[in-house]
């Protein structure tokens, strides 16, 4: 899994999950990984099935029909120290680390698997949430 440091953002704040997902999508657009139409597909994906994965992480990604909007495989890592709620007021699901992904073909499945394995240990999520630099975050994903 190749991590692009220009896709890592520290200390972000979002009013809601839609703003968080849009931010991840726009980063992928700005860096040339996806076409702009991928961003609304990321929002639709979360409406169909929550992108919250547990252990304080969310993995925003597009719907299957948005695959044509992916130009190259990429992953954003966004640190949200105050968290963003992907659940409801009655059933909060707070994410402090977001992984916005876009994959060519089925490469997104490989990305989700690698992220899930790493983040299955909540201590790893805490390390990402507490990281003080982009380099520190990137170092956790060196193969």
N, C-alpha and C. Protein backbone atom coordinates (compact mmCIF):
# COMPACT_ATOMS: atom_id res chain seq x y z
N UNK A 1 0.86 -1.18 0.00
CA UNK A 1 0.00 0.00 0.00
C UNK A 1 0.89 1.23 0.00
N UNK A 2 0.84 1.97 -1.08
CA UNK A 2 1.69 3.16 -1.20
C UNK A 2 0.96 4.38 -0.65
N UNK A 3 1.60 5.02 0.31
CA UNK A 3 1.03 6.19 0.95
C UNK A 3 1.65 7.45 0.36
N UNK A 4 0.80 8.36 -0.11
CA UNK A 4 1.26 9.64 -0.62
C UNK A 4 1.15 10.67 0.50
N UNK A 5 2.27 11.24 0.88
CA UNK A 5 2.27 12.18 2.01
C UNK A 5 1.38 13.40 1.77
N UNK A 6 1.22 13.78 0.50
CA UNK A 6 0.37 14.94 0.22
C UNK A 6 -1.12 14.62 0.37
N UNK A 7 -1.44 13.38 0.68
CA UNK A 7 -2.83 12.98 0.93
C UNK A 7 -3.09 12.74 2.42
N UNK A 8 -2.11 13.06 3.27
CA UNK A 8 -2.27 12.93 4.72
C UNK A 8 -2.53 14.32 5.29
N UNK A 9 -3.58 14.44 6.08
CA UNK A 9 -3.92 15.73 6.69
C UNK A 9 -4.08 15.54 8.19
N UNK A 10 -3.43 16.40 8.95
CA UNK A 10 -3.48 16.35 10.41
C UNK A 10 -4.49 17.37 10.96
N UNK A 11 -4.98 17.08 12.16
CA UNK A 11 -5.77 18.04 12.95
C UNK A 11 -6.91 18.71 12.19
N UNK A 12 -7.74 17.90 11.56
CA UNK A 12 -8.89 18.43 10.84
C UNK A 12 -10.13 18.41 11.75
N UNK A 13 -11.10 19.25 11.41
CA UNK A 13 -12.36 19.30 12.15
C UNK A 13 -13.50 19.33 11.15
N UNK A 14 -14.53 18.54 11.41
CA UNK A 14 -15.70 18.51 10.52
C UNK A 14 -16.97 18.62 11.34
N UNK A 15 -17.91 19.39 10.83
CA UNK A 15 -19.21 19.58 11.48
C UNK A 15 -20.03 18.29 11.47
N UNK A 16 -19.88 17.49 10.37
CA UNK A 16 -20.66 16.26 10.25
C UNK A 16 -19.96 15.29 9.30
N UNK A 17 -20.52 14.09 9.21
CA UNK A 17 -19.90 13.04 8.39
C UNK A 17 -19.89 13.40 6.90
N UNK A 18 -20.93 14.13 6.44
CA UNK A 18 -20.95 14.51 5.03
C UNK A 18 -19.78 15.44 4.69
N UNK A 19 -19.49 16.38 5.59
CA UNK A 19 -18.35 17.28 5.37
C UNK A 19 -17.04 16.50 5.39
N UNK A 20 -16.94 15.52 6.27
CA UNK A 20 -15.72 14.71 6.36
C UNK A 20 -15.51 13.89 5.09
N UNK A 21 -16.58 13.26 4.62
CA UNK A 21 -16.49 12.45 3.40
C UNK A 21 -16.14 13.33 2.20
N UNK A 22 -16.79 14.48 2.11
CA UNK A 22 -16.54 15.42 1.00
C UNK A 22 -15.08 15.88 1.02
N UNK A 23 -14.55 16.17 2.20
CA UNK A 23 -13.15 16.59 2.31
C UNK A 23 -12.22 15.50 1.76
N UNK A 24 -12.45 14.24 2.16
CA UNK A 24 -11.62 13.13 1.67
C UNK A 24 -11.72 13.02 0.15
N UNK A 25 -12.93 13.11 -0.36
CA UNK A 25 -13.13 13.02 -1.81
C UNK A 25 -12.47 14.16 -2.56
N UNK A 26 -12.62 15.37 -2.04
CA UNK A 26 -12.01 16.52 -2.71
C UNK A 26 -10.48 16.43 -2.73
N UNK A 27 -9.90 15.87 -1.67
CA UNK A 27 -8.44 15.66 -1.67
C UNK A 27 -8.04 14.74 -2.82
N UNK A 28 -8.80 13.67 -3.02
CA UNK A 28 -8.51 12.73 -4.11
C UNK A 28 -8.69 13.41 -5.47
N UNK A 29 -9.69 14.29 -5.59
CA UNK A 29 -9.91 15.02 -6.84
C UNK A 29 -8.74 15.97 -7.09
N UNK A 30 -8.38 16.77 -6.09
CA UNK A 30 -7.32 17.78 -6.24
C UNK A 30 -5.99 17.17 -6.62
N UNK A 31 -5.73 15.97 -6.16
CA UNK A 31 -4.44 15.32 -6.43
C UNK A 31 -4.48 14.41 -7.67
N UNK A 32 -5.61 14.40 -8.38
CA UNK A 32 -5.69 13.69 -9.65
C UNK A 32 -5.96 12.19 -9.55
N UNK A 33 -6.53 11.74 -8.46
CA UNK A 33 -6.83 10.31 -8.30
C UNK A 33 -8.21 9.94 -8.82
N UNK A 34 -9.15 10.89 -8.76
CA UNK A 34 -10.52 10.64 -9.19
C UNK A 34 -11.09 11.87 -9.89
N UNK A 35 -12.13 11.64 -10.68
CA UNK A 35 -12.89 12.74 -11.26
C UNK A 35 -13.84 13.31 -10.20
N UNK A 36 -14.28 14.56 -10.37
CA UNK A 36 -15.17 15.18 -9.38
C UNK A 36 -16.45 14.38 -9.10
N UNK A 37 -16.96 13.62 -10.06
CA UNK A 37 -18.19 12.85 -9.85
C UNK A 37 -18.02 11.72 -8.83
N UNK A 38 -16.78 11.43 -8.45
CA UNK A 38 -16.55 10.39 -7.44
C UNK A 38 -17.02 10.84 -6.06
N UNK A 39 -16.96 12.13 -5.78
CA UNK A 39 -17.29 12.64 -4.44
C UNK A 39 -18.75 12.38 -4.07
N UNK A 40 -19.73 12.72 -4.93
CA UNK A 40 -21.11 12.40 -4.57
C UNK A 40 -21.33 10.89 -4.42
N UNK A 41 -20.58 10.09 -5.16
CA UNK A 41 -20.69 8.63 -5.03
C UNK A 41 -20.18 8.16 -3.67
N UNK A 42 -19.22 8.88 -3.09
CA UNK A 42 -18.74 8.56 -1.75
C UNK A 42 -19.85 8.83 -0.73
N UNK A 43 -20.57 9.92 -0.92
CA UNK A 43 -21.68 10.25 -0.03
C UNK A 43 -22.81 9.22 -0.17
N UNK A 44 -23.10 8.81 -1.42
CA UNK A 44 -24.13 7.79 -1.65
C UNK A 44 -23.75 6.47 -0.99
N UNK A 45 -22.47 6.09 -1.08
CA UNK A 45 -22.00 4.83 -0.49
C UNK A 45 -22.31 4.84 1.01
N UNK A 46 -22.04 5.96 1.68
CA UNK A 46 -22.29 6.03 3.12
C UNK A 46 -23.79 5.97 3.43
N UNK A 47 -24.62 6.50 2.53
CA UNK A 47 -26.07 6.41 2.74
C UNK A 47 -26.55 4.97 2.60
N UNK A 48 -25.96 4.24 1.64
CA UNK A 48 -26.35 2.85 1.41
C UNK A 48 -25.86 1.94 2.53
N UNK A 49 -24.64 2.16 2.95
CA UNK A 49 -24.01 1.34 3.97
C UNK A 49 -22.94 2.19 4.64
N UNK A 50 -23.04 2.36 5.93
CA UNK A 50 -22.11 3.24 6.65
C UNK A 50 -20.66 2.86 6.37
N UNK A 51 -19.83 3.88 6.18
CA UNK A 51 -18.40 3.65 5.96
C UNK A 51 -17.64 3.62 7.29
N UNK A 52 -18.38 3.74 8.39
CA UNK A 52 -17.76 3.60 9.71
C UNK A 52 -17.43 2.12 9.92
N UNK A 53 -16.18 1.84 10.33
CA UNK A 53 -15.73 0.46 10.44
C UNK A 53 -15.52 -0.01 11.88
N UNK A 54 -15.77 0.86 12.85
CA UNK A 54 -15.47 0.50 14.23
C UNK A 54 -14.07 0.94 14.59
N UNK A 55 -13.69 0.78 15.86
CA UNK A 55 -12.35 1.16 16.32
C UNK A 55 -11.96 2.59 15.96
N UNK A 56 -12.95 3.46 15.89
CA UNK A 56 -12.71 4.89 15.65
C UNK A 56 -12.20 5.22 14.25
N UNK A 57 -12.49 4.34 13.28
CA UNK A 57 -12.09 4.65 11.90
C UNK A 57 -13.29 4.60 10.96
N UNK A 58 -13.17 5.37 9.88
CA UNK A 58 -14.13 5.32 8.78
C UNK A 58 -13.34 5.24 7.49
N UNK A 59 -13.89 4.54 6.52
CA UNK A 59 -13.21 4.38 5.23
C UNK A 59 -14.15 4.84 4.11
N UNK A 60 -14.26 6.17 3.92
CA UNK A 60 -15.10 6.67 2.82
C UNK A 60 -14.57 6.21 1.46
N UNK A 61 -15.48 5.70 0.64
CA UNK A 61 -15.13 5.29 -0.72
C UNK A 61 -16.39 5.35 -1.57
N UNK A 62 -16.22 5.28 -2.86
CA UNK A 62 -17.35 5.44 -3.77
C UNK A 62 -18.15 4.17 -3.98
N UNK A 63 -19.27 4.33 -4.65
CA UNK A 63 -20.11 3.20 -5.01
C UNK A 63 -19.47 2.44 -6.16
N UNK A 64 -19.95 1.22 -6.39
CA UNK A 64 -19.40 0.41 -7.48
C UNK A 64 -19.57 1.09 -8.83
N UNK A 65 -20.71 1.77 -9.04
CA UNK A 65 -20.92 2.42 -10.34
C UNK A 65 -20.03 3.65 -10.55
N UNK A 66 -19.33 4.08 -9.50
CA UNK A 66 -18.41 5.23 -9.62
C UNK A 66 -17.00 4.80 -9.98
N UNK A 67 -16.78 3.50 -10.16
CA UNK A 67 -15.43 3.01 -10.49
C UNK A 67 -14.87 3.70 -11.73
N UNK A 68 -15.75 4.05 -12.66
CA UNK A 68 -15.29 4.70 -13.90
C UNK A 68 -14.70 6.08 -13.64
N UNK A 69 -14.95 6.63 -12.45
CA UNK A 69 -14.43 7.95 -12.09
C UNK A 69 -13.03 7.89 -11.46
N UNK A 70 -12.54 6.67 -11.19
CA UNK A 70 -11.23 6.50 -10.57
C UNK A 70 -10.15 6.51 -11.65
N UNK A 71 -9.21 7.43 -11.50
CA UNK A 71 -8.11 7.57 -12.47
C UNK A 71 -6.91 6.73 -12.07
N UNK A 72 -6.65 6.67 -10.77
CA UNK A 72 -5.56 5.85 -10.23
C UNK A 72 -5.86 5.58 -8.76
N UNK A 73 -5.29 4.51 -8.25
CA UNK A 73 -5.54 4.11 -6.87
C UNK A 73 -4.86 5.08 -5.91
N UNK A 74 -5.64 5.53 -4.90
CA UNK A 74 -5.09 6.45 -3.91
C UNK A 74 -5.80 6.33 -2.59
N UNK A 75 -5.14 6.81 -1.56
CA UNK A 75 -5.71 6.76 -0.21
C UNK A 75 -5.36 8.03 0.55
N UNK A 76 -6.38 8.65 1.13
CA UNK A 76 -6.15 9.79 2.01
C UNK A 76 -6.20 9.29 3.45
N UNK A 77 -5.40 9.88 4.29
CA UNK A 77 -5.47 9.58 5.72
C UNK A 77 -5.67 10.93 6.42
N UNK A 78 -6.82 11.06 7.08
CA UNK A 78 -7.20 12.33 7.68
C UNK A 78 -7.41 12.13 9.18
N UNK A 79 -6.65 12.88 9.94
CA UNK A 79 -6.71 12.82 11.40
C UNK A 79 -7.76 13.83 11.89
N UNK A 80 -8.68 13.36 12.73
CA UNK A 80 -9.77 14.21 13.25
C UNK A 80 -9.77 14.08 14.77
N UNK A 81 -8.90 14.84 15.46
CA UNK A 81 -8.74 14.66 16.91
C UNK A 81 -10.04 14.76 17.72
N UNK A 82 -10.94 15.65 17.34
CA UNK A 82 -12.20 15.78 18.08
C UNK A 82 -13.24 14.77 17.62
N UNK A 83 -12.91 14.04 16.56
CA UNK A 83 -13.81 13.02 16.05
C UNK A 83 -14.94 13.58 15.23
N UNK A 84 -15.54 12.72 14.43
CA UNK A 84 -16.73 13.06 13.66
C UNK A 84 -17.69 11.87 13.79
N UNK A 85 -18.95 12.17 14.02
CA UNK A 85 -19.94 11.13 14.29
C UNK A 85 -20.51 10.56 12.99
N UNK A 86 -20.31 9.27 12.78
CA UNK A 86 -20.87 8.58 11.62
C UNK A 86 -22.14 7.83 12.00
N UNK A 87 -22.54 7.94 13.26
CA UNK A 87 -23.77 7.30 13.71
C UNK A 87 -24.86 8.33 13.90
N UNK A 88 -25.63 8.15 14.95
CA UNK A 88 -26.71 9.08 15.28
C UNK A 88 -26.43 9.65 16.67
N UNK A 89 -27.26 10.59 17.08
CA UNK A 89 -27.10 11.15 18.42
C UNK A 89 -27.32 10.07 19.48
N UNK A 90 -28.30 9.19 19.23
CA UNK A 90 -28.61 8.11 20.17
C UNK A 90 -27.61 6.97 20.10
N UNK A 91 -26.99 6.78 18.94
CA UNK A 91 -26.03 5.68 18.74
C UNK A 91 -24.79 6.23 18.03
N UNK A 92 -23.96 7.00 18.76
CA UNK A 92 -22.79 7.62 18.11
C UNK A 92 -21.75 6.59 17.68
N UNK A 93 -21.15 6.87 16.53
CA UNK A 93 -20.06 6.07 16.00
C UNK A 93 -18.98 7.06 15.58
N UNK A 94 -18.09 7.36 16.50
CA UNK A 94 -17.13 8.44 16.31
C UNK A 94 -15.84 7.93 15.67
N UNK A 95 -15.44 8.58 14.59
CA UNK A 95 -14.19 8.26 13.91
C UNK A 95 -13.18 9.38 14.17
N UNK A 96 -11.97 9.00 14.53
CA UNK A 96 -10.89 9.97 14.72
C UNK A 96 -9.86 9.88 13.60
N UNK A 97 -9.96 8.83 12.79
CA UNK A 97 -9.08 8.68 11.62
C UNK A 97 -9.95 8.26 10.44
N UNK A 98 -9.79 8.98 9.32
CA UNK A 98 -10.52 8.67 8.10
C UNK A 98 -9.54 8.21 7.03
N UNK A 99 -9.92 7.17 6.32
CA UNK A 99 -9.15 6.69 5.18
C UNK A 99 -10.04 6.81 3.95
N UNK A 100 -9.85 7.87 3.17
CA UNK A 100 -10.61 8.04 1.94
C UNK A 100 -9.92 7.27 0.83
N UNK A 101 -10.62 6.33 0.22
CA UNK A 101 -9.94 5.50 -0.77
C UNK A 101 -10.65 5.49 -2.12
N UNK A 102 -9.83 5.28 -3.15
CA UNK A 102 -10.30 5.07 -4.51
C UNK A 102 -9.38 4.02 -5.11
N UNK A 103 -9.97 3.01 -5.71
CA UNK A 103 -9.14 1.94 -6.28
C UNK A 103 -9.53 1.62 -7.70
N UNK A 104 -8.52 1.44 -8.54
CA UNK A 104 -8.73 0.99 -9.91
C UNK A 104 -9.09 -0.50 -9.84
N UNK A 105 -10.10 -0.90 -10.60
CA UNK A 105 -10.52 -2.30 -10.58
C UNK A 105 -10.95 -2.70 -9.17
N UNK A 106 -10.34 -3.77 -8.67
CA UNK A 106 -10.67 -4.22 -7.31
C UNK A 106 -9.59 -3.85 -6.30
N UNK A 107 -8.71 -2.93 -6.65
CA UNK A 107 -7.62 -2.55 -5.74
C UNK A 107 -8.13 -1.95 -4.44
N UNK A 108 -9.35 -1.39 -4.45
CA UNK A 108 -9.90 -0.82 -3.21
C UNK A 108 -10.11 -1.91 -2.16
N UNK A 109 -10.41 -3.12 -2.61
CA UNK A 109 -10.62 -4.23 -1.66
C UNK A 109 -9.32 -4.54 -0.91
N UNK A 110 -8.21 -4.50 -1.63
CA UNK A 110 -6.90 -4.72 -1.01
C UNK A 110 -6.60 -3.61 0.00
N UNK A 111 -6.92 -2.37 -0.36
CA UNK A 111 -6.69 -1.25 0.55
C UNK A 111 -7.53 -1.41 1.82
N UNK A 112 -8.81 -1.73 1.66
CA UNK A 112 -9.69 -1.90 2.82
C UNK A 112 -9.18 -3.01 3.71
N UNK A 113 -8.72 -4.11 3.11
CA UNK A 113 -8.20 -5.23 3.89
C UNK A 113 -6.97 -4.82 4.70
N UNK A 114 -6.03 -4.13 4.07
CA UNK A 114 -4.81 -3.71 4.77
C UNK A 114 -5.12 -2.72 5.89
N UNK A 115 -6.01 -1.78 5.62
CA UNK A 115 -6.40 -0.81 6.66
C UNK A 115 -7.08 -1.54 7.81
N UNK A 116 -7.99 -2.45 7.48
CA UNK A 116 -8.74 -3.18 8.51
C UNK A 116 -7.82 -4.00 9.40
N UNK A 117 -6.85 -4.66 8.80
CA UNK A 117 -5.90 -5.47 9.58
C UNK A 117 -5.10 -4.57 10.52
N UNK A 118 -4.58 -3.47 9.99
CA UNK A 118 -3.79 -2.55 10.81
C UNK A 118 -4.63 -1.96 11.94
N UNK A 119 -5.85 -1.56 11.62
CA UNK A 119 -6.70 -0.87 12.58
C UNK A 119 -7.50 -1.81 13.47
N UNK A 120 -7.40 -3.12 13.25
CA UNK A 120 -8.06 -4.08 14.14
C UNK A 120 -7.49 -3.94 15.55
N UNK A 121 -6.23 -3.54 15.63
CA UNK A 121 -5.59 -3.25 16.92
C UNK A 121 -5.83 -1.78 17.22
N UNK A 122 -6.71 -1.51 18.18
CA UNK A 122 -7.09 -0.12 18.48
C UNK A 122 -5.88 0.72 18.89
N UNK A 123 -4.83 0.08 19.41
CA UNK A 123 -3.60 0.82 19.74
C UNK A 123 -3.00 1.47 18.50
N UNK A 124 -3.12 0.81 17.35
CA UNK A 124 -2.62 1.40 16.10
C UNK A 124 -3.43 2.63 15.71
N UNK A 125 -4.74 2.58 15.95
CA UNK A 125 -5.59 3.73 15.66
C UNK A 125 -5.20 4.90 16.56
N UNK A 126 -4.95 4.61 17.82
CA UNK A 126 -4.54 5.66 18.77
C UNK A 126 -3.22 6.29 18.30
N UNK A 127 -2.29 5.47 17.81
CA UNK A 127 -1.01 6.00 17.30
C UNK A 127 -1.27 6.97 16.14
N UNK A 128 -2.17 6.61 15.23
CA UNK A 128 -2.48 7.49 14.11
C UNK A 128 -3.16 8.77 14.59
N UNK A 129 -4.10 8.63 15.52
CA UNK A 129 -4.83 9.79 16.03
C UNK A 129 -3.93 10.74 16.80
N UNK A 130 -2.90 10.20 17.43
CA UNK A 130 -1.99 11.02 18.24
C UNK A 130 -0.74 11.49 17.48
N UNK A 131 -0.56 11.02 16.26
CA UNK A 131 0.65 11.35 15.49
C UNK A 131 0.80 12.87 15.35
N UNK A 132 2.03 13.32 15.42
CA UNK A 132 2.31 14.75 15.36
C UNK A 132 2.82 15.22 14.01
N UNK A 133 3.04 14.28 13.07
CA UNK A 133 3.54 14.68 11.76
C UNK A 133 3.06 13.73 10.68
N UNK A 134 3.07 14.23 9.46
CA UNK A 134 2.72 13.43 8.28
C UNK A 134 3.68 12.25 8.16
N UNK A 135 4.97 12.51 8.39
CA UNK A 135 5.97 11.44 8.29
C UNK A 135 5.70 10.32 9.28
N UNK A 136 5.27 10.69 10.47
CA UNK A 136 4.97 9.69 11.50
C UNK A 136 3.83 8.77 11.05
N UNK A 137 2.78 9.36 10.48
CA UNK A 137 1.66 8.55 9.98
C UNK A 137 2.12 7.67 8.82
N UNK A 138 2.82 8.24 7.87
CA UNK A 138 3.27 7.48 6.70
C UNK A 138 4.14 6.29 7.11
N UNK A 139 4.95 6.46 8.15
CA UNK A 139 5.87 5.41 8.58
C UNK A 139 5.13 4.15 9.04
N UNK A 140 3.90 4.29 9.52
CA UNK A 140 3.15 3.12 9.98
C UNK A 140 2.72 2.23 8.80
N UNK A 141 2.76 2.75 7.60
CA UNK A 141 2.29 1.99 6.44
C UNK A 141 3.38 1.62 5.45
N UNK A 142 4.61 1.69 5.87
CA UNK A 142 5.72 1.25 5.01
C UNK A 142 5.70 -0.27 4.99
N UNK A 143 5.67 -0.82 3.77
CA UNK A 143 5.63 -2.29 3.65
C UNK A 143 6.91 -2.93 4.12
